Amino acid sequence: MTHPIPRRMAGALLAALAAPGLATRALTTPALAQEAGQALRVIIPQPPGGATDILARLLSEPLSRELGRPVVIENRPGANGIISINALRQSRPDGGTLLLGGVSIFSFNPNLYPNLPYDPWRDFTWIAPIADTPFVVVAGRRTGITSMAQFIERARARPEGVTYGSAGIGNSTHLAMEMIAERADIRLTHVPFAGSAPALTSIIAGDTDSMVNPLGSTLSAIQGGNVVPLATLGTERSPALPEVPTLREAGLADVTMPGWYAFVGPAGVAPPVVERLNAAIRAVVDSPAVTQRLREAVLEPVSGSAASIQQRARSESEAMAAFIRRRGIRVE
């Protein structure tokens, strides 16, 4: 079972699909015209309803118009993104297949798997950044927990008795809660899922106690009273939840978690194809209509070059390595 697409994000998605006025440059050169009839396949490492899936569907129609070709979404969840990456690696490097993934796949997995079956610096062609997402700590309504102070107090009273869900071992949603546990000096029990949507569903059902999740894909559950927001992970309070304190305000400084998304292709995509795809993606992300819809979905648009997001991924991988080693987090 997956959590349905939140109303607020679904509204933003539908508005983006229907939004007029986005740039629609026709493909006119012979090479581009040949691509026009070929669908762009976008692989998603999460099940439907997850944050990455919602983002892909928000972008699909504007990107289709920009490229002049259909965009087809293909969900390949599991193994913290490795299943989706295997599907990408089997595709032709012609620009016809991309993967929309998050920071976990590119910057965290290399520090988690002793025998990772891919190299993020060798096995991908970096295409473009898309957006950053803020995170929120939530507790299940049935736990009775309404603040970070209560959450920490409960965890100290019941070492390893408080559970938290995540989108998978080594995912941002896992590592962020491990950072909180380290900073608060508490022990929690991790319950990994194949995606953030089923993890959130488990909390709503009362099967797990808490989680860190992207704010955008959690907001409707918060607004519906199904989960309780305890704190956000940003440096400032989120405009979407102005009454909810940051972790720093709640007494836990220095807990940060990058949450960006980017498009990559298989290794070997030719530079001219990368340039065309990057230009189209940037035009979509920079368009006023999509910028507005992304922000309504609690995502911050990020427009940049292929080199810029690759450099960011490498830098954050190096930054996370020490924490992952210190916590002894490994995936066999």
Foldseek 3Di string as FASTA:
>chain_A
DFAAAFPLLVVLLVCLLVPPDFDQDDDDDPVLVVCLAAEQEEEEQADPLFPQNSVCSSLQNLLCRNSNHHYHYHYQWDPQCLRSLVVQQPDDLARRYKYKDKLQVQQFQVLFEPPRPDHNVAWWQFFWWWWWFWKFKKWFPVVVDAAVVVVLVVQVVPAQPAEAEDLAFSDLFVVLVVLVCVQSVGHYHYDYDRGDRVRVVCRLVVNHTIIMGGCLSCVSCCVVVSIHTHAIQDPADDPSCNPHHHVVVRPRPPRHTIIIIGMIGTPDNDPVSSVSSLVSSLSSLPDPSSCVSCVSSRIHTDRDGSVVVSVVSHVSSVVCNVVCVVVVRHDD
